[in-house]
């Protein structure tokens, strides 16, 4: 499974990083985004995915999985 780990990434860089990564890897489903225990990081990723109308599931707290785009 292709994954993006956001540990160590600054909040201000999350939107562009997640957006670019998801769009580049959209043919490699499923995708996993590791947000960690930061509620703010999860919220930022959620905002990006909602912007692009991408549905996801929270596999466990802090781990977002995209099964289809």
N, C-alpha and C. Protein backbone atom coordinates (compact mmCIF):
# COMPACT_ATOMS: atom_id res chain seq x y z
N UNK A 1 0.85 -1.18 0.00
CA UNK A 1 0.00 0.00 0.00
C UNK A 1 0.89 1.24 0.00
N UNK A 2 0.61 2.15 -0.88
CA UNK A 2 1.36 3.40 -0.96
C UNK A 2 0.95 4.30 0.21
N UNK A 3 1.92 4.88 0.92
CA UNK A 3 1.55 5.71 2.06
C UNK A 3 2.38 6.98 2.15
N UNK A 4 1.76 7.97 2.74
CA UNK A 4 2.38 9.27 3.00
C UNK A 4 2.39 9.46 4.51
N UNK A 5 3.55 9.64 5.09
CA UNK A 5 3.68 9.84 6.54
C UNK A 5 3.91 11.32 6.80
N UNK A 6 2.99 11.94 7.52
CA UNK A 6 3.06 13.38 7.78
C UNK A 6 3.79 13.74 9.07
N UNK A 7 4.36 12.76 9.74
CA UNK A 7 5.16 13.08 10.94
C UNK A 7 6.30 14.01 10.54
N UNK A 8 6.44 15.09 11.27
CA UNK A 8 7.52 16.03 11.00
C UNK A 8 7.19 17.09 9.96
N UNK A 9 6.02 17.00 9.34
CA UNK A 9 5.61 17.99 8.33
C UNK A 9 4.90 19.15 9.04
N UNK A 10 5.24 20.36 8.67
CA UNK A 10 4.60 21.54 9.27
C UNK A 10 3.17 21.68 8.75
N UNK A 11 2.29 22.15 9.62
CA UNK A 11 0.88 22.30 9.25
C UNK A 11 0.69 23.14 8.00
N UNK A 12 1.49 24.17 7.84
CA UNK A 12 1.31 25.05 6.68
C UNK A 12 1.69 24.36 5.37
N UNK A 13 2.41 23.24 5.43
CA UNK A 13 2.82 22.53 4.22
C UNK A 13 1.90 21.35 3.87
N UNK A 14 0.97 21.04 4.74
CA UNK A 14 0.15 19.84 4.57
C UNK A 14 -0.75 19.92 3.35
N UNK A 15 -1.43 21.02 3.15
CA UNK A 15 -2.42 21.10 2.07
C UNK A 15 -1.79 20.79 0.71
N UNK A 16 -0.75 21.47 0.36
CA UNK A 16 -0.14 21.28 -0.96
C UNK A 16 0.50 19.89 -1.07
N UNK A 17 1.12 19.42 0.00
CA UNK A 17 1.77 18.11 -0.02
C UNK A 17 0.75 17.00 -0.23
N UNK A 18 -0.32 17.00 0.55
CA UNK A 18 -1.34 15.96 0.45
C UNK A 18 -2.04 16.02 -0.90
N UNK A 19 -2.40 17.22 -1.32
CA UNK A 19 -3.08 17.39 -2.60
C UNK A 19 -2.23 16.83 -3.74
N UNK A 20 -0.98 17.22 -3.81
CA UNK A 20 -0.09 16.75 -4.88
C UNK A 20 0.10 15.23 -4.80
N UNK A 21 0.36 14.72 -3.60
CA UNK A 21 0.64 13.30 -3.43
C UNK A 21 -0.56 12.44 -3.84
N UNK A 22 -1.75 12.83 -3.40
CA UNK A 22 -2.95 12.05 -3.74
C UNK A 22 -3.20 12.08 -5.24
N UNK A 23 -3.07 13.23 -5.85
CA UNK A 23 -3.33 13.32 -7.29
C UNK A 23 -2.29 12.56 -8.11
N UNK A 24 -1.05 12.58 -7.70
CA UNK A 24 0.01 11.86 -8.40
C UNK A 24 -0.18 10.34 -8.26
N UNK A 25 -0.63 9.88 -7.10
CA UNK A 25 -0.73 8.45 -6.82
C UNK A 25 -2.15 7.90 -6.92
N UNK A 26 -3.05 8.64 -7.54
CA UNK A 26 -4.45 8.23 -7.56
C UNK A 26 -4.71 6.90 -8.27
N UNK A 27 -3.80 6.44 -9.08
CA UNK A 27 -3.97 5.15 -9.74
C UNK A 27 -3.40 3.99 -8.91
N UNK A 28 -2.83 4.30 -7.76
CA UNK A 28 -2.19 3.28 -6.92
C UNK A 28 -3.02 2.99 -5.67
N UNK A 29 -4.31 2.92 -5.82
CA UNK A 29 -5.25 2.71 -4.72
C UNK A 29 -5.03 1.32 -4.12
N UNK A 30 -5.13 1.14 -2.84
CA UNK A 30 -5.46 2.11 -1.81
C UNK A 30 -4.26 2.96 -1.41
N UNK A 31 -4.58 4.13 -0.89
CA UNK A 31 -3.56 5.05 -0.39
C UNK A 31 -3.75 5.21 1.11
N UNK A 32 -2.65 5.35 1.83
CA UNK A 32 -2.72 5.53 3.28
C UNK A 32 -1.98 6.82 3.63
N UNK A 33 -2.62 7.64 4.46
CA UNK A 33 -2.00 8.87 4.95
C UNK A 33 -1.89 8.76 6.46
N UNK A 34 -0.66 8.81 6.95
CA UNK A 34 -0.40 8.74 8.38
C UNK A 34 -0.37 10.16 8.94
N UNK A 35 -1.37 10.49 9.75
CA UNK A 35 -1.48 11.83 10.33
C UNK A 35 -0.91 11.87 11.75
N UNK A 36 -0.89 10.74 12.41
CA UNK A 36 -0.46 10.71 13.80
C UNK A 36 -1.61 11.11 14.71
N UNK A 37 -1.30 11.47 15.93
CA UNK A 37 -2.32 11.78 16.93
C UNK A 37 -2.74 13.24 16.94
N UNK A 38 -2.35 14.01 15.95
CA UNK A 38 -2.67 15.42 15.90
C UNK A 38 -4.05 15.64 15.28
N UNK A 39 -4.98 16.11 16.10
CA UNK A 39 -6.33 16.40 15.59
C UNK A 39 -6.27 17.47 14.50
N UNK A 40 -5.37 18.42 14.63
CA UNK A 40 -5.23 19.48 13.63
C UNK A 40 -4.72 18.90 12.30
N UNK A 41 -3.79 17.97 12.34
CA UNK A 41 -3.27 17.35 11.12
C UNK A 41 -4.38 16.57 10.42
N UNK A 42 -5.16 15.83 11.19
CA UNK A 42 -6.29 15.08 10.63
C UNK A 42 -7.27 16.04 9.98
N UNK A 43 -7.55 17.16 10.63
CA UNK A 43 -8.48 18.16 10.09
C UNK A 43 -7.95 18.74 8.78
N UNK A 44 -6.67 19.02 8.72
CA UNK A 44 -6.08 19.59 7.50
C UNK A 44 -6.18 18.61 6.34
N UNK A 45 -5.90 17.34 6.60
CA UNK A 45 -6.02 16.32 5.55
C UNK A 45 -7.47 16.18 5.12
N UNK A 46 -8.38 16.17 6.08
CA UNK A 46 -9.81 16.09 5.79
C UNK A 46 -10.24 17.23 4.87
N UNK A 47 -9.78 18.44 5.14
CA UNK A 47 -10.15 19.59 4.31
C UNK A 47 -9.68 19.42 2.86
N UNK A 48 -8.47 18.91 2.69
CA UNK A 48 -7.94 18.69 1.33
C UNK A 48 -8.78 17.65 0.60
N UNK A 49 -9.08 16.55 1.27
CA UNK A 49 -9.83 15.48 0.62
C UNK A 49 -11.26 15.91 0.31
N UNK A 50 -11.86 16.66 1.20
CA UNK A 50 -13.22 17.17 0.94
C UNK A 50 -13.22 18.15 -0.23
N UNK A 51 -12.20 18.95 -0.33
CA UNK A 51 -12.07 19.91 -1.44
C UNK A 51 -12.12 19.20 -2.79
N UNK A 52 -11.52 18.01 -2.85
CA UNK A 52 -11.47 17.24 -4.09
C UNK A 52 -12.53 16.14 -4.13
N UNK A 53 -13.45 16.17 -3.17
CA UNK A 53 -14.55 15.21 -3.07
C UNK A 53 -14.03 13.76 -3.06
N UNK A 54 -12.98 13.55 -2.29
CA UNK A 54 -12.39 12.22 -2.16
C UNK A 54 -12.86 11.61 -0.84
N UNK A 55 -13.54 10.48 -0.95
CA UNK A 55 -14.02 9.80 0.24
C UNK A 55 -12.89 8.97 0.83
N UNK A 56 -12.91 8.84 2.14
CA UNK A 56 -11.88 8.08 2.84
C UNK A 56 -12.47 7.43 4.08
N UNK A 57 -11.69 6.58 4.68
CA UNK A 57 -12.10 6.00 5.96
C UNK A 57 -10.94 6.15 6.93
N UNK A 58 -11.28 6.24 8.20
CA UNK A 58 -10.27 6.32 9.24
C UNK A 58 -10.01 4.89 9.70
N UNK A 59 -8.89 4.31 9.23
CA UNK A 59 -8.57 2.93 9.53
C UNK A 59 -8.36 2.75 11.03
N UNK A 60 -7.64 3.67 11.61
CA UNK A 60 -7.51 3.81 13.06
C UNK A 60 -7.23 5.29 13.28
N UNK A 61 -7.31 5.74 14.52
CA UNK A 61 -7.13 7.17 14.76
C UNK A 61 -5.77 7.60 14.23
N UNK A 62 -5.79 8.59 13.34
CA UNK A 62 -4.55 9.12 12.78
C UNK A 62 -4.09 8.46 11.50
N UNK A 63 -4.86 7.47 11.01
CA UNK A 63 -4.50 6.79 9.76
C UNK A 63 -5.70 6.84 8.82
N UNK A 64 -5.55 7.56 7.73
CA UNK A 64 -6.62 7.73 6.74
C UNK A 64 -6.31 6.84 5.54
N UNK A 65 -7.33 6.13 5.08
CA UNK A 65 -7.18 5.26 3.92
C UNK A 65 -8.16 5.69 2.84
N UNK A 66 -7.64 5.82 1.63
CA UNK A 66 -8.45 6.16 0.45
C UNK A 66 -8.55 4.90 -0.38
N UNK A 67 -9.77 4.39 -0.55
CA UNK A 67 -9.98 3.15 -1.29
C UNK A 67 -10.35 3.39 -2.75
N UNK A 68 -10.86 4.57 -3.06
CA UNK A 68 -11.20 4.89 -4.44
C UNK A 68 -11.25 6.39 -4.63
N UNK A 69 -10.98 6.80 -5.86
CA UNK A 69 -11.03 8.23 -6.19
C UNK A 69 -11.95 8.39 -7.38
